[in-house]
Amino acid sequence: MKTALLTGLGGLTLLLTSCATAPHAGGTPPVHWIASTQAAPWHEEPVVAEPAAAAGSNVLTLDAGVTFQTMEGFGGCFNDLGWQALKTLDEPRRAEALRALFGPDGCRFNLGRAPIGANDFALAWYSLDETPGDYALKDFSIERDRRELIPFMQAAMKYQPKLGVWGVPWSPPSWMKTNGQYQGGRMKQDPQTLAAYAEYFSKYVRAYRAAGIRLYAIMPQNEPVYNNNVYPQCVWSGAELAGFMRDYLAPQLRRDGVRVELWHGTLPTPPYEMVQAVLGDSATRPLVTGVAFQYGGQKLLRRTHDDYPEQKLMQGETECYGGENTWSEGLTTFRNLIEDTRNFAGSYFFWNLVLNETGRSTWNWRQNSLITVDRPTQTVRYNPEFYAMKQFSAAVAPGAKRIAVNGGPFHNVVAFLNPSGSRVLVFENEADQPVDAELAAAGAHWRLTVPARSMNTVTFARP
């Protein structure tokens, strides 16, 4: 097995492995185990093969004969402030950070999220058409996005050419809202405004695709239940969202020949009625590809799958925390990744990919990020949640199927079957001491001693 050491800025060393093909005695399939602890993130651990007869009664077993949802991929949100932070680095350091997120020897992110207009980590409030009463959208433009968001995506595409992006607004143009402001208020519900807003989305998709971005999905509103914070927001009821998608947005896209997935979302801790109002409408549900939840909304993943099994599900945004980027928060995010994928999330998105050393938004809200750029020292720090995401995204390929996993000593565990035939086991040892475990897959058995408070990924090559 070929390995290479990459020393990150700020003294951080990453172990990069070119392939998961560590052969073991007795003809067993090759196995590769990566563990991350606070002291040693992304560290290769030894796996000991043993005869099946030696296996104990409490064996963690993968069953590829039982499959669940298909995994579409992993990623994060492209925000103005992330690109601003990266631009302060020289080209080699910036390339290192982007490669760590999107490259084949990094997280391998294949998906991304984009705000339509300003979000809470934009440089300032803006929309794509702020001319009051411009129902014909003559002044619609993505020129503002060409300064920050689109260059960020294009830089990522150098390392992930097949990057897929979905877009969602935090707020419509202010003149389309009841209070005429970016903050607070509701979406107007008169036909003229709703028709113009549907065309706004259609123009957005076509403009981004013309700019070379593979925009695969749109959602009508970020957090439609909130309008009490300092950043751009807008309230919709579930019935209003259903009516907009059914009577305005889907017909406009169809008239314009725009083929794009239409999702319901993103929904943070909503009452379940927000889901039912859209998917329970027999005319709207066939138009909707899936539902995107975020942070607290994860509790509704299983219920939505049980009620509407044909719908794809997404975790569209992880917990944001307060900018401390602690190991404990990283473990919680890792635990949420396991829980959400076990509850049928087929794609998973972190919030801020990159922030500077302050971690602060334009509106003075401090949050976590996968990577921190320290501008005074020109160094790059990979935070705990970077490893939480990489433990999944570096091993679970697009098109993988979640499979059954049974037994074993761990509470938080999930498994996948990649299109290549390799099997991936992801689990947490939440105990404060090492735990001995036995694994069984493809007719072979292995023994490993799992570090305390660790994130773990074991990849079994195709038998």
Foldseek 3Di string as FASTA:
>chain_A
DDWDWDQFFPRDIAIFDPDQAQDAPDPAFGKWKFKQDPVRGGDTDDWFFDAPVPDDPFAKEFDFVFFAFFFAFEEAEFEQQQQVLLVLFPPVNSLVLLCQGCALRHLVGQEYEYEQFDWQFYLDGDHQAQDAPPLVPPSGDCVVCVVGRLVVVVSSCVRHVNREYEYEYQAHRLNQFPVSDQAAGAGDQDPSSLQSVLVSVLVVVVVVVVSVHRYAEYEYHEAQVDRPDDTGHHHDALLSRQCSQQPHNVVVCVVVVHHHAYAYDAHEPDDCVSVCNRCVPPRRNVRHQAYEYEANRLVCLLVCCVVPVNHAYAHREYDWPQQPLDLVVLLVVLLVVLSSVVSRHNYYYYYAQEHENQCAHSVGGHTYHQWYQDSVVRGIDGGSNSSSSSLDSSAADRRKTWTDIDGKDFDRKTKIQHPQRKIKIKGFQAAQAWDWHWHDDPNIIIIDIHGYGMIMMMIGHHD
